[in-house]
Full PDB file with SEQRES, HELIX, SHEET, SSBOND, CRYST1, ORIGX, SCALE, CONECT and MASTER records, all heavy atoms in Angstrom:
SEQRES   1 A   35  LEU LYS ILE THR HIS GLU GLN ILE ALA SER HIS LEU GLY          
SEQRES   2 A   35  THR ALA ARG GLU VAL VAL THR ARG MET LEU LYS TYR PHE          
SEQRES   3 A   35  GLN ASN GLU GLY VAL VAL LYS LEU THR                          
HELIX    1 AA1 HIS A    5  LEU A   12  1                                   8    
HELIX    2 AA2 ARG A   16  ASN A   28  1                                  13    
CRYST1    1.000    1.000    1.000  90.00  90.00  90.00 P 1           1          
ORIGX1      1.000000  0.000000  0.000000        0.00000                         
ORIGX2      0.000000  1.000000  0.000000        0.00000                         
ORIGX3      0.000000  0.000000  1.000000        0.00000                         
SCALE1      1.000000  0.000000  0.000000        0.00000                         
SCALE2      0.000000  1.000000  0.000000        0.00000                         
SCALE3      0.000000  0.000000  1.000000        0.00000                         
ATOM      1  N   LEU A   1     -11.073  -1.412   2.912  1.00  0.00           N  
ATOM      2  CA  LEU A   1     -10.669  -2.168   1.803  1.00  0.00           C  
ATOM      3  C   LEU A   1      -9.985  -3.460   2.264  1.00  0.00           C  
ATOM      4  O   LEU A   1      -8.931  -3.359   2.967  1.00  0.00           O  
ATOM      5  CB  LEU A   1      -9.882  -1.510   0.814  1.00  0.00           C  
ATOM      6  CG  LEU A   1     -10.510  -0.210   0.226  1.00  0.00           C  
ATOM      7  CD1 LEU A   1      -9.478   0.530  -0.733  1.00  0.00           C  
ATOM      8  CD2 LEU A   1     -11.778  -0.372  -0.424  1.00  0.00           C  
ATOM      9  N   LYS A   2     -10.480  -4.697   1.967  1.00  0.00           N  
ATOM     10  CA  LYS A   2      -9.765  -5.880   2.410  1.00  0.00           C  
ATOM     11  C   LYS A   2      -8.986  -6.272   1.214  1.00  0.00           C  
ATOM     12  O   LYS A   2      -9.439  -7.090   0.280  1.00  0.00           O  
ATOM     13  CB  LYS A   2     -10.774  -6.968   2.719  1.00  0.00           C  
ATOM     14  CG  LYS A   2     -11.627  -6.727   4.008  1.00  0.00           C  
ATOM     15  CD  LYS A   2     -12.462  -7.831   4.555  1.00  0.00           C  
ATOM     16  CE  LYS A   2     -13.311  -7.519   5.676  1.00  0.00           C  
ATOM     17  NZ  LYS A   2     -14.096  -8.698   6.120  1.00  0.00           N  
ATOM     18  N   ILE A   3      -7.755  -5.863   1.170  1.00  0.00           N  
ATOM     19  CA  ILE A   3      -6.792  -6.084   0.072  1.00  0.00           C  
ATOM     20  C   ILE A   3      -5.427  -5.946   0.582  1.00  0.00           C  
ATOM     21  O   ILE A   3      -5.054  -5.109   1.545  1.00  0.00           O  
ATOM     22  CB  ILE A   3      -7.070  -4.958  -1.002  1.00  0.00           C  
ATOM     23  CG1 ILE A   3      -6.231  -5.465  -2.241  1.00  0.00           C  
ATOM     24  CG2 ILE A   3      -6.610  -3.577  -0.570  1.00  0.00           C  
ATOM     25  CD1 ILE A   3      -6.678  -4.517  -3.575  1.00  0.00           C  
ATOM     26  N   THR A   4      -4.516  -6.945   0.107  1.00  0.00           N  
ATOM     27  CA  THR A   4      -3.135  -6.894   0.604  1.00  0.00           C  
ATOM     28  C   THR A   4      -2.233  -6.086  -0.296  1.00  0.00           C  
ATOM     29  O   THR A   4      -2.667  -5.569  -1.376  1.00  0.00           O  
ATOM     30  CB  THR A   4      -2.637  -8.266   0.544  1.00  0.00           C  
ATOM     31  OG1 THR A   4      -2.486  -8.755  -0.729  1.00  0.00           O  
ATOM     32  CG2 THR A   4      -3.531  -9.354   1.269  1.00  0.00           C  
ATOM     33  N   HIS A   5      -1.203  -5.763   0.376  1.00  0.00           N  
ATOM     34  CA  HIS A   5      -0.160  -4.889  -0.442  1.00  0.00           C  
ATOM     35  C   HIS A   5       0.313  -5.634  -1.740  1.00  0.00           C  
ATOM     36  O   HIS A   5       0.509  -5.090  -2.736  1.00  0.00           O  
ATOM     37  CB  HIS A   5       1.167  -4.676   0.411  1.00  0.00           C  
ATOM     38  CG  HIS A   5       0.780  -3.794   1.622  1.00  0.00           C  
ATOM     39  ND1 HIS A   5       1.733  -3.251   2.419  1.00  0.00           N  
ATOM     40  CD2 HIS A   5      -0.351  -3.449   2.120  1.00  0.00           C  
ATOM     41  CE1 HIS A   5       1.137  -2.614   3.399  1.00  0.00           C  
ATOM     42  NE2 HIS A   5      -0.176  -2.743   3.222  1.00  0.00           N  
ATOM     43  N   GLU A   6       0.465  -7.055  -1.690  1.00  0.00           N  
ATOM     44  CA  GLU A   6       0.708  -7.845  -2.727  1.00  0.00           C  
ATOM     45  C   GLU A   6      -0.261  -7.747  -3.758  1.00  0.00           C  
ATOM     46  O   GLU A   6       0.124  -7.568  -5.016  1.00  0.00           O  
ATOM     47  CB  GLU A   6       0.912  -9.279  -2.297  1.00  0.00           C  
ATOM     48  CG  GLU A   6       1.569 -10.217  -3.498  1.00  0.00           C  
ATOM     49  CD  GLU A   6       2.907 -10.010  -3.651  1.00  0.00           C  
ATOM     50  OE1 GLU A   6       3.690  -9.715  -2.811  1.00  0.00           O  
ATOM     51  OE2 GLU A   6       3.254 -10.035  -4.933  1.00  0.00           O  
ATOM     52  N   GLN A   7      -1.554  -7.799  -3.475  1.00  0.00           N  
ATOM     53  CA  GLN A   7      -2.623  -7.703  -4.538  1.00  0.00           C  
ATOM     54  C   GLN A   7      -2.542  -6.309  -5.202  1.00  0.00           C  
ATOM     55  O   GLN A   7      -2.791  -6.277  -6.445  1.00  0.00           O  
ATOM     56  CB  GLN A   7      -3.988  -7.842  -3.845  1.00  0.00           C  
ATOM     57  CG  GLN A   7      -4.209  -9.332  -3.464  1.00  0.00           C  
ATOM     58  CD  GLN A   7      -5.508  -9.430  -2.658  1.00  0.00           C  
ATOM     59  OE1 GLN A   7      -5.742  -8.596  -1.667  1.00  0.00           O  
ATOM     60  NE2 GLN A   7      -6.295 -10.432  -2.975  1.00  0.00           N  
ATOM     61  N   ILE A   8      -2.386  -5.248  -4.392  1.00  0.00           N  
ATOM     62  CA  ILE A   8      -2.203  -3.855  -5.065  1.00  0.00           C  
ATOM     63  C   ILE A   8      -0.940  -3.887  -6.010  1.00  0.00           C  
ATOM     64  O   ILE A   8      -1.052  -3.301  -7.102  1.00  0.00           O  
ATOM     65  CB  ILE A   8      -2.098  -2.838  -4.024  1.00  0.00           C  
ATOM     66  CG1 ILE A   8      -3.326  -2.783  -3.082  1.00  0.00           C  
ATOM     67  CG2 ILE A   8      -1.812  -1.518  -4.698  1.00  0.00           C  
ATOM     68  CD1 ILE A   8      -3.283  -1.828  -1.922  1.00  0.00           C  
ATOM     69  N   ALA A   9       0.092  -4.435  -5.635  1.00  0.00           N  
ATOM     70  CA  ALA A   9       1.324  -4.471  -6.435  1.00  0.00           C  
ATOM     71  C   ALA A   9       1.054  -5.180  -7.685  1.00  0.00           C  
ATOM     72  O   ALA A   9       1.441  -4.733  -8.802  1.00  0.00           O  
ATOM     73  CB  ALA A   9       2.383  -5.152  -5.725  1.00  0.00           C  
ATOM     74  N   SER A  10       0.194  -6.240  -7.690  1.00  0.00           N  
ATOM     75  CA  SER A  10      -0.115  -7.019  -8.885  1.00  0.00           C  
ATOM     76  C   SER A  10      -1.021  -6.162  -9.834  1.00  0.00           C  
ATOM     77  O   SER A  10      -0.944  -6.067 -11.041  1.00  0.00           O  
ATOM     78  CB  SER A  10      -0.973  -8.322  -8.586  1.00  0.00           C  
ATOM     79  OG  SER A  10      -0.014  -9.160  -7.866  1.00  0.00           O  
ATOM     80  N   HIS A  11      -1.969  -5.352  -9.230  1.00  0.00           N  
ATOM     81  CA  HIS A  11      -2.775  -4.480 -10.091  1.00  0.00           C  
ATOM     82  C   HIS A  11      -1.841  -3.333 -10.763  1.00  0.00           C  
ATOM     83  O   HIS A  11      -2.206  -3.068 -11.914  1.00  0.00           O  
ATOM     84  CB  HIS A  11      -3.920  -3.777  -9.234  1.00  0.00           C  
ATOM     85  CG  HIS A  11      -5.050  -4.680  -8.934  1.00  0.00           C  
ATOM     86  ND1 HIS A  11      -5.780  -4.909  -9.885  1.00  0.00           N  
ATOM     87  CD2 HIS A  11      -5.485  -5.205  -7.821  1.00  0.00           C  
ATOM     88  CE1 HIS A  11      -6.880  -5.718  -9.398  1.00  0.00           C  
ATOM     89  NE2 HIS A  11      -6.655  -5.899  -8.064  1.00  0.00           N  
ATOM     90  N   LEU A  12      -0.946  -2.868 -10.109  1.00  0.00           N  
ATOM     91  CA  LEU A  12      -0.162  -1.646 -10.525  1.00  0.00           C  
ATOM     92  C   LEU A  12       1.181  -1.964 -11.216  1.00  0.00           C  
ATOM     93  O   LEU A  12       1.820  -1.134 -11.685  1.00  0.00           O  
ATOM     94  CB  LEU A  12       0.030  -0.634  -9.407  1.00  0.00           C  
ATOM     95  CG  LEU A  12      -1.327  -0.183  -8.754  1.00  0.00           C  
ATOM     96  CD1 LEU A  12      -0.920   0.784  -7.505  1.00  0.00           C  
ATOM     97  CD2 LEU A  12      -2.120   0.540  -9.795  1.00  0.00           C  
ATOM     98  N   GLY A  13       1.450  -3.275 -11.292  1.00  0.00           N  
ATOM     99  CA  GLY A  13       2.676  -3.653 -11.939  1.00  0.00           C  
ATOM    100  C   GLY A  13       3.920  -3.314 -11.257  1.00  0.00           C  
ATOM    101  O   GLY A  13       4.997  -2.919 -12.044  1.00  0.00           O  
ATOM    102  N   THR A  14       3.990  -3.368  -9.919  1.00  0.00           N  
ATOM    103  CA  THR A  14       5.223  -2.953  -9.210  1.00  0.00           C  
ATOM    104  C   THR A  14       5.533  -4.038  -8.161  1.00  0.00           C  
ATOM    105  O   THR A  14       4.876  -5.125  -8.003  1.00  0.00           O  
ATOM    106  CB  THR A  14       5.013  -1.528  -8.680  1.00  0.00           C  
ATOM    107  OG1 THR A  14       6.162  -1.055  -8.196  1.00  0.00           O  
ATOM    108  CG2 THR A  14       3.919  -1.504  -7.613  1.00  0.00           C  
ATOM    109  N   ALA A  15       6.540  -3.594  -7.317  1.00  0.00           N  
ATOM    110  CA  ALA A  15       6.957  -4.631  -6.226  1.00  0.00           C  
ATOM    111  C   ALA A  15       6.094  -4.362  -4.949  1.00  0.00           C  
ATOM    112  O   ALA A  15       5.645  -3.095  -4.715  1.00  0.00           O  
ATOM    113  CB  ALA A  15       8.460  -4.462  -5.956  1.00  0.00           C  
ATOM    114  N   ARG A  16       5.805  -5.341  -4.160  1.00  0.00           N  
ATOM    115  CA  ARG A  16       5.059  -5.136  -2.889  1.00  0.00           C  
ATOM    116  C   ARG A  16       5.750  -4.170  -2.046  1.00  0.00           C  
ATOM    117  O   ARG A  16       5.206  -3.305  -1.423  1.00  0.00           O  
ATOM    118  CB  ARG A  16       4.958  -6.479  -2.226  1.00  0.00           C  
ATOM    119  CG  ARG A  16       4.222  -6.475  -0.858  1.00  0.00           C  
ATOM    120  CD  ARG A  16       4.358  -7.643  -0.032  1.00  0.00           C  
ATOM    121  NE  ARG A  16       5.582  -8.155   0.091  1.00  0.00           N  
ATOM    122  CZ  ARG A  16       6.353  -7.665   1.065  1.00  0.00           C  
ATOM    123  NH1 ARG A  16       6.076  -6.677   1.935  1.00  0.00           N  
ATOM    124  NH2 ARG A  16       7.629  -8.193   1.318  1.00  0.00           N  
ATOM    125  N   GLU A  17       7.106  -4.094  -2.069  1.00  0.00           N  
ATOM    126  CA  GLU A  17       7.882  -3.197  -1.156  1.00  0.00           C  
ATOM    127  C   GLU A  17       7.573  -1.734  -1.572  1.00  0.00           C  
ATOM    128  O   GLU A  17       7.518  -0.854  -0.605  1.00  0.00           O  
ATOM    129  CB  GLU A  17       9.345  -3.509  -1.313  1.00  0.00           C  
ATOM    130  CG  GLU A  17       9.852  -4.890  -0.635  1.00  0.00           C  
ATOM    131  CD  GLU A  17       9.392  -5.916  -1.645  1.00  0.00           C  
ATOM    132  OE1 GLU A  17       9.209  -5.760  -2.824  1.00  0.00           O  
ATOM    133  OE2 GLU A  17       9.652  -7.117  -1.170  1.00  0.00           O  
ATOM    134  N   VAL A  18       7.449  -1.468  -2.824  1.00  0.00           N  
ATOM    135  CA  VAL A  18       7.063  -0.072  -3.238  1.00  0.00           C  
ATOM    136  C   VAL A  18       5.679   0.313  -2.826  1.00  0.00           C  
ATOM    137  O   VAL A  18       5.514   1.460  -2.382  1.00  0.00           O  
ATOM    138  CB  VAL A  18       7.221   0.043  -4.852  1.00  0.00           C  
ATOM    139  CG1 VAL A  18       6.757   1.334  -5.337  1.00  0.00           C  
ATOM    140  CG2 VAL A  18       8.584  -0.374  -5.340  1.00  0.00           C  
ATOM    141  N   VAL A  19       4.651  -0.613  -2.880  1.00  0.00           N  
ATOM    142  CA  VAL A  19       3.368  -0.334  -2.425  1.00  0.00           C  
ATOM    143  C   VAL A  19       3.357  -0.083  -0.861  1.00  0.00           C  
ATOM    144  O   VAL A  19       2.774   0.898  -0.392  1.00  0.00           O  
ATOM    145  CB  VAL A  19       2.508  -1.540  -2.747  1.00  0.00           C  
ATOM    146  CG1 VAL A  19       1.035  -1.348  -2.105  1.00  0.00           C  
ATOM    147  CG2 VAL A  19       2.271  -1.638  -4.176  1.00  0.00           C  
ATOM    148  N   THR A  20       4.110  -0.852  -0.166  1.00  0.00           N  
ATOM    149  CA  THR A  20       4.089  -0.781   1.312  1.00  0.00           C  
ATOM    150  C   THR A  20       4.735   0.421   1.735  1.00  0.00           C  
ATOM    151  O   THR A  20       4.252   1.285   2.653  1.00  0.00           O  
ATOM    152  CB  THR A  20       5.023  -1.911   1.923  1.00  0.00           C  
ATOM    153  OG1 THR A  20       4.332  -3.137   1.676  1.00  0.00           O  
ATOM    154  CG2 THR A  20       5.028  -1.714   3.530  1.00  0.00           C  
ATOM    155  N   ARG A  21       5.768   0.922   1.083  1.00  0.00           N  
ATOM    156  CA  ARG A  21       6.496   2.207   1.393  1.00  0.00           C  
ATOM    157  C   ARG A  21       5.553   3.351   1.160  1.00  0.00           C  
ATOM    158  O   ARG A  21       5.464   4.295   1.959  1.00  0.00           O  
ATOM    159  CB  ARG A  21       7.781   2.349   0.488  1.00  0.00           C  
ATOM    160  CG  ARG A  21       8.569   3.578   0.952  1.00  0.00           C  
ATOM    161  CD  ARG A  21      10.019   3.392   0.341  1.00  0.00           C  
ATOM    162  NE  ARG A  21      10.010   3.251  -1.036  1.00  0.00           N  
ATOM    163  CZ  ARG A  21      10.499   2.099  -1.623  1.00  0.00           C  
ATOM    164  NH1 ARG A  21      10.884   1.007  -0.870  1.00  0.00           N  
ATOM    165  NH2 ARG A  21      10.447   2.008  -3.025  1.00  0.00           N  
ATOM    166  N   MET A  22       4.833   3.358   0.002  1.00  0.00           N  
ATOM    167  CA  MET A  22       3.941   4.538  -0.273  1.00  0.00           C  
ATOM    168  C   MET A  22       2.771   4.473   0.724  1.00  0.00           C  
ATOM    169  O   MET A  22       2.172   5.547   1.117  1.00  0.00           O  
ATOM    170  CB  MET A  22       3.566   4.542  -1.659  1.00  0.00           C  
ATOM    171  CG  MET A  22       2.828   5.667  -2.135  1.00  0.00           C  
ATOM    172  SD  MET A  22       3.764   7.280  -2.102  1.00  0.00           S  
ATOM    173  CE  MET A  22       5.224   6.966  -3.120  1.00  0.00           C  
ATOM    174  N   LEU A  23       2.237   3.320   1.069  1.00  0.00           N  
ATOM    175  CA  LEU A  23       1.127   3.238   1.915  1.00  0.00           C  
ATOM    176  C   LEU A  23       1.520   3.775   3.364  1.00  0.00           C  
ATOM    177  O   LEU A  23       0.657   4.497   3.968  1.00  0.00           O  
ATOM    178  CB  LEU A  23       0.570   1.884   1.970  1.00  0.00           C  
ATOM    179  CG  LEU A  23      -0.305   1.363   0.787  1.00  0.00           C  
ATOM    180  CD1 LEU A  23      -0.642  -0.153   1.029  1.00  0.00           C  
ATOM    181  CD2 LEU A  23      -1.501   2.197   0.709  1.00  0.00           C  
ATOM    182  N   LYS A  24       2.688   3.473   3.756  1.00  0.00           N  
ATOM    183  CA  LYS A  24       3.158   4.091   5.074  1.00  0.00           C  
ATOM    184  C   LYS A  24       3.241   5.576   4.868  1.00  0.00           C  
ATOM    185  O   LYS A  24       2.952   6.218   5.948  1.00  0.00           O  
ATOM    186  CB  LYS A  24       4.484   3.410   5.347  1.00  0.00           C  
ATOM    187  CG  LYS A  24       4.395   1.927   5.832  1.00  0.00           C  
ATOM    188  CD  LYS A  24       5.721   1.310   6.213  1.00  0.00           C  
ATOM    189  CE  LYS A  24       5.600  -0.107   6.735  1.00  0.00           C  
ATOM    190  NZ  LYS A  24       6.935  -0.663   7.081  1.00  0.00           N  
ATOM    191  N   TYR A  25       3.641   6.041   3.883  1.00  0.00           N  
ATOM    192  CA  TYR A  25       3.690   7.493   3.618  1.00  0.00           C  
ATOM    193  C   TYR A  25       2.283   8.103   3.808  1.00  0.00           C  
ATOM    194  O   TYR A  25       2.074   9.094   4.487  1.00  0.00           O  
ATOM    195  CB  TYR A  25       4.339   7.982   2.271  1.00  0.00           C  
ATOM    196  CG  TYR A  25       4.163   9.304   1.986  1.00  0.00           C  
ATOM    197  CD1 TYR A  25       4.834  10.336   2.568  1.00  0.00           C  
ATOM    198  CD2 TYR A  25       3.227   9.723   0.967  1.00  0.00           C  
ATOM    199  CE1 TYR A  25       4.486  11.768   2.078  1.00  0.00           C  
ATOM    200  CE2 TYR A  25       2.991  11.057   0.505  1.00  0.00           C  
ATOM    201  CZ  TYR A  25       3.677  12.006   1.147  1.00  0.00           C  
ATOM    202  OH  TYR A  25       3.467  13.389   0.822  1.00  0.00           O  
ATOM    203  N   PHE A  26       1.312   7.425   3.156  1.00  0.00           N  
ATOM    204  CA  PHE A  26      -0.089   7.897   3.167  1.00  0.00           C  
ATOM    205  C   PHE A  26      -0.645   7.836   4.549  1.00  0.00           C  
ATOM    206  O   PHE A  26      -1.353   8.723   4.964  1.00  0.00           O  
ATOM    207  CB  PHE A  26      -0.971   7.021   2.266  1.00  0.00           C  
ATOM    208  CG  PHE A  26      -0.818   7.251   0.740  1.00  0.00           C  
ATOM    209  CD1 PHE A  26      -1.557   6.512  -0.178  1.00  0.00           C  
ATOM    210  CD2 PHE A  26      -0.073   8.231   0.340  1.00  0.00           C  
ATOM    211  CE1 PHE A  26      -1.431   6.748  -1.447  1.00  0.00           C  
ATOM    212  CE2 PHE A  26       0.055   8.573  -1.133  1.00  0.00           C  
ATOM    213  CZ  PHE A  26      -0.633   7.811  -1.935  1.00  0.00           C  
ATOM    214  N   GLN A  27      -0.225   6.759   5.265  1.00  0.00           N  
ATOM    215  CA  GLN A  27      -0.644   6.674   6.685  1.00  0.00           C  
ATOM    216  C   GLN A  27      -0.097   7.753   7.586  1.00  0.00           C  
ATOM    217  O   GLN A  27      -0.646   8.337   8.401  1.00  0.00           O  
ATOM    218  CB  GLN A  27      -0.176   5.231   7.269  1.00  0.00           C  
ATOM    219  CG  GLN A  27      -0.567   5.117   8.645  1.00  0.00           C  
ATOM    220  CD  GLN A  27      -0.313   3.775   9.167  1.00  0.00           C  
ATOM    221  OE1 GLN A  27      -1.274   2.860   9.437  1.00  0.00           O  
ATOM    222  NE2 GLN A  27       0.972   3.224   9.286  1.00  0.00           N  
ATOM    223  N   ASN A  28       1.204   8.070   7.335  1.00  0.00           N  
ATOM    224  CA  ASN A  28       1.780   9.139   8.132  1.00  0.00           C  
ATOM    225  C   ASN A  28       1.198  10.512   7.766  1.00  0.00           C  
ATOM    226  O   ASN A  28       1.265  11.405   8.657  1.00  0.00           O  
ATOM    227  CB  ASN A  28       3.373   9.384   7.699  1.00  0.00           C  
ATOM    228  CG  ASN A  28       4.207   8.163   8.258  1.00  0.00           C  
ATOM    229  OD1 ASN A  28       3.673   7.460   9.288  1.00  0.00           O  
ATOM    230  ND2 ASN A  28       5.218   7.832   7.697  1.00  0.00           N  
ATOM    231  N   GLU A  29       0.609  10.649   6.638  1.00  0.00           N  
ATOM    232  CA  GLU A  29      -0.137  11.942   6.188  1.00  0.00           C  
ATOM    233  C   GLU A  29      -1.593  11.952   6.651  1.00  0.00           C  
ATOM    234  O   GLU A  29      -2.283  12.885   6.436  1.00  0.00           O  
ATOM    235  CB  GLU A  29      -0.103  12.082   4.644  1.00  0.00           C  
ATOM    236  CG  GLU A  29       1.388  12.252   4.105  1.00  0.00           C  
ATOM    237  CD  GLU A  29       1.838  13.656   4.615  1.00  0.00           C  
ATOM    238  OE1 GLU A  29       1.135  14.648   4.363  1.00  0.00           O  
ATOM    239  OE2 GLU A  29       2.951  13.636   5.089  1.00  0.00           O  
ATOM    240  N   GLY A  30      -2.021  10.811   7.383  1.00  0.00           N  
ATOM    241  CA  GLY A  30      -3.300  10.749   7.977  1.00  0.00           C  
ATOM    242  C   GLY A  30      -4.310  10.425   6.875  1.00  0.00           C  
ATOM    243  O   GLY A  30      -5.577  10.669   7.105  1.00  0.00           O  
ATOM    244  N   VAL A  31      -3.995   9.848   5.758  1.00  0.00           N  
ATOM    245  CA  VAL A  31      -4.932   9.510   4.638  1.00  0.00           C  
ATOM    246  C   VAL A  31      -5.493   8.193   4.843  1.00  0.00           C  
ATOM    247  O   VAL A  31      -6.726   7.982   4.637  1.00  0.00           O  
ATOM    248  CB  VAL A  31      -4.291   9.665   3.310  1.00  0.00           C  
ATOM    249  CG1 VAL A  31      -5.171   9.386   2.212  1.00  0.00           C  
ATOM    250  CG2 VAL A  31      -3.694  11.056   3.027  1.00  0.00           C  
ATOM    251  N   VAL A  32      -4.644   7.275   5.256  1.00  0.00           N  
ATOM    252  CA  VAL A  32      -5.117   5.839   5.450  1.00  0.00           C  
ATOM    253  C   VAL A  32      -4.744   5.218   6.820  1.00  0.00           C  
ATOM    254  O   VAL A  32      -3.845   5.783   7.427  1.00  0.00           O  
ATOM    255  CB  VAL A  32      -4.546   4.891   4.400  1.00  0.00           C  
ATOM    256  CG1 VAL A  32      -5.109   5.421   3.006  1.00  0.00           C  
ATOM    257  CG2 VAL A  32      -3.059   4.689   4.456  1.00  0.00           C  
ATOM    258  N   LYS A  33      -5.396   4.207   7.164  1.00  0.00           N  
ATOM    259  CA  LYS A  33      -4.925   3.466   8.343  1.00  0.00           C  
ATOM    260  C   LYS A  33      -4.624   2.052   7.939  1.00  0.00           C  
ATOM    261  O   LYS A  33      -5.561   1.389   7.353  1.00  0.00           O  
ATOM    262  CB  LYS A  33      -5.919   3.488   9.471  1.00  0.00           C  
ATOM    263  CG  LYS A  33      -5.582   2.657  10.651  1.00  0.00           C  
ATOM    264  CD  LYS A  33      -6.806   2.773  11.711  1.00  0.00           C  
ATOM    265  CE  LYS A  33      -6.477   1.954  12.955  1.00  0.00           C  
ATOM    266  NZ  LYS A  33      -7.516   1.987  14.001  1.00  0.00           N  
ATOM    267  N   LEU A  34      -3.492   1.528   8.258  1.00  0.00           N  
ATOM    268  CA  LEU A  34      -3.177   0.114   7.800  1.00  0.00           C  
ATOM    269  C   LEU A  34      -3.222  -0.832   8.907  1.00  0.00           C  
ATOM    270  O   LEU A  34      -2.782  -0.606   9.934  1.00  0.00           O  
ATOM    271  CB  LEU A  34      -1.740   0.255   7.199  1.00  0.00           C  
ATOM    272  CG  LEU A  34      -1.301   1.165   6.110  1.00  0.00           C  
ATOM    273  CD1 LEU A  34       0.122   1.165   5.764  1.00  0.00           C  
ATOM    274  CD2 LEU A  34      -2.225   0.964   4.977  1.00  0.00           C  
ATOM    275  N   THR A  35      -3.781  -1.976   8.510  1.00  0.00           N  
ATOM    276  CA  THR A  35      -3.821  -3.202   9.485  1.00  0.00           C  
ATOM    277  C   THR A  35      -3.636  -4.280   8.479  1.00  0.00           C  
ATOM    278  O   THR A  35      -3.624  -4.252   7.427  1.00  0.00           O  
ATOM    279  CB  THR A  35      -5.158  -3.313  10.250  1.00  0.00           C  
ATOM    280  OG1 THR A  35      -6.261  -3.267   9.191  1.00  0.00           O  
ATOM    281  CG2 THR A  35      -5.375  -2.183  11.202  1.00  0.00           C  
TER     282      THR A  35                                                      
MASTER        0    0    0    2    0    0    0    6  281    1    0    3          
END                                                                             
């Protein structure tokens, strides 16, 4: 998916930092890979 953390935050009505923190958790769990 070509999408930024800021764009996801806009969709979900939250702060970019909250999205980044949760995505890093997903990455640590082996669910996603972030670039």
